[in-house]
Amino acid sequence: MAVKPYNLYNLTDSGKYELFDLALYAVYPAFGYLFVYFLEYVNVSRVLLVVYIVAWSIIGVAVEYLFVILHVFIYTGWKLIYSLPIYLIVIAITYVFYQIATYYHKKESNNQS
């Protein structure tokens, strides 16, 4: 979404890759890791799962908004409001992927013992 032909936003103040861009690319994996870590740490029930996913989506939008204010993200066609449904979808997919990975890990562990 940040490359041609779309180019909906730029990272930092230029369209070129810089060393700081690499640090920014670490933010998204860390966000996913923290989502899963706190999911296990708090032991979120199925009832509160939707609230948990919505809360993390709002956190994602808030962090993105902070990055917009700091001119880390410069929108050229994107709007912040578009990010909320994207975060909801991506975080829900992350949850499903984590559940599948956990299921197969437990299954493999049981087969080895």
Protein backbone atom coordinates (compact mmCIF):
# COMPACT_ATOMS: atom_id res chain seq x y z
CA MET A 1 0.00 0.00 0.00
CA ALA A 2 3.00 2.26 0.36
CA VAL A 3 4.50 1.49 -3.05
CA LYS A 4 3.49 2.25 -6.61
CA PRO A 5 0.89 2.12 -8.05
CA TYR A 6 -0.97 2.85 -4.77
CA ASN A 7 1.48 4.90 -2.67
CA LEU A 8 -1.11 5.67 -0.01
CA TYR A 9 1.46 6.77 2.58
CA ASN A 10 5.16 7.39 3.10
CA LEU A 11 7.32 6.43 6.03
CA THR A 12 9.12 9.38 7.58
CA ASP A 13 9.69 12.44 5.45
CA SER A 14 10.74 10.83 2.19
CA GLY A 15 9.66 8.09 -0.15
CA LYS A 16 13.11 6.51 0.08
CA TYR A 17 14.10 3.80 2.54
CA GLU A 18 16.27 4.94 5.42
CA LEU A 19 17.87 3.26 8.43
CA PHE A 20 15.03 4.47 10.68
CA ASP A 21 12.55 2.59 8.46
CA LEU A 22 14.08 -0.69 9.63
CA ALA A 23 13.30 0.24 13.24
CA LEU A 24 9.72 1.00 12.22
CA TYR A 25 9.39 -2.43 10.64
CA ALA A 26 10.07 -3.92 14.08
CA VAL A 27 6.98 -2.20 15.51
CA TYR A 28 4.45 -4.47 13.78
CA PRO A 29 5.96 -7.82 14.85
CA ALA A 30 6.31 -6.45 18.40
CA PHE A 31 2.65 -5.41 18.32
CA GLY A 32 1.61 -8.93 17.27
CA TYR A 33 3.87 -10.51 19.89
CA LEU A 34 2.41 -8.35 22.66
CA PHE A 35 -1.13 -9.13 21.48
CA VAL A 36 -0.49 -12.88 21.82
CA TYR A 37 1.59 -12.54 25.00
CA PHE A 38 -1.13 -10.65 26.88
CA LEU A 39 -3.77 -12.96 25.42
CA GLU A 40 -2.06 -15.82 27.25
CA TYR A 41 -0.98 -13.79 30.28
CA VAL A 42 -4.48 -12.45 31.03
CA ASN A 43 -6.11 -15.71 29.87
CA VAL A 44 -8.84 -13.98 27.88
CA SER A 45 -12.11 -15.94 27.82
CA ARG A 46 -14.10 -16.51 24.64
CA VAL A 47 -16.70 -14.03 25.90
CA LEU A 48 -14.15 -11.22 26.23
CA LEU A 49 -12.26 -12.11 23.05
CA VAL A 50 -14.16 -9.62 20.89
CA VAL A 51 -13.56 -6.86 23.42
CA TYR A 52 -9.86 -7.81 23.54
CA ILE A 53 -9.53 -7.68 19.74
CA VAL A 54 -11.37 -4.35 19.53
CA ALA A 55 -9.21 -2.92 22.32
CA TRP A 56 -6.01 -3.94 20.53
CA SER A 57 -7.34 -2.50 17.29
CA ILE A 58 -7.98 0.81 19.02
CA ILE A 59 -4.48 0.70 20.50
CA GLY A 60 -3.10 0.11 16.99
CA VAL A 61 -5.01 3.08 15.60
CA ALA A 62 -3.87 5.24 18.55
CA VAL A 63 -0.22 4.35 17.94
CA GLU A 64 -0.67 5.02 14.23
CA TYR A 65 -2.25 8.39 15.07
CA LEU A 66 0.76 9.21 17.24
CA PHE A 67 3.02 8.31 14.31
CA VAL A 68 0.96 10.62 12.06
CA ILE A 69 1.34 13.49 14.55
CA LEU A 70 5.11 12.85 14.71
CA HIS A 71 5.25 12.76 10.89
CA VAL A 72 6.47 9.18 10.87
CA PHE A 73 3.57 8.27 8.58
CA ILE A 74 2.67 10.80 5.94
CA TYR A 75 -0.60 9.95 4.25
CA THR A 76 -0.88 10.63 0.54
CA GLY A 77 -4.20 8.89 -0.02
CA TRP A 78 -4.83 6.94 3.18
CA LYS A 79 -7.02 8.13 6.04
CA LEU A 80 -6.66 7.07 9.65
CA ILE A 81 -10.27 5.86 9.75
CA TYR A 82 -9.36 3.19 7.17
CA SER A 83 -6.96 1.63 9.66
CA LEU A 84 -9.56 0.47 12.20
CA PRO A 85 -11.17 -2.21 10.01
CA ILE A 86 -7.73 -3.28 8.80
CA TYR A 87 -6.52 -3.73 12.38
CA LEU A 88 -9.71 -5.62 13.30
CA ILE A 89 -9.19 -8.04 10.41
CA VAL A 90 -5.45 -8.49 10.86
CA ILE A 91 -5.68 -8.99 14.63
CA ALA A 92 -8.53 -11.49 14.21
CA ILE A 93 -6.43 -13.39 11.63
CA THR A 94 -3.47 -13.28 14.03
CA TYR A 95 -5.67 -14.82 16.73
CA VAL A 96 -6.89 -17.58 14.39
CA PHE A 97 -3.34 -18.31 13.24
CA TYR A 98 -2.15 -18.47 16.85
CA GLN A 99 -4.96 -20.90 17.74
CA ILE A 100 -4.09 -23.14 14.77
CA ALA A 101 -0.37 -23.07 15.60
CA THR A 102 -1.09 -23.86 19.26
CA TYR A 103 -3.40 -26.73 18.29
CA TYR A 104 -0.80 -28.35 16.04
CA HIS A 105 1.97 -27.78 18.57
CA LYS A 106 -0.05 -29.53 21.30
CA LYS A 107 -0.98 -32.32 18.89
CA GLU A 108 2.68 -32.82 17.94
CA SER A 109 3.73 -32.77 21.61
CA ASN A 110 1.17 -35.44 22.46
CA ASN A 111 2.34 -37.64 19.57
CA GLN A 112 5.95 -37.48 20.77
CA SER A 113 5.16 -38.47 24.35
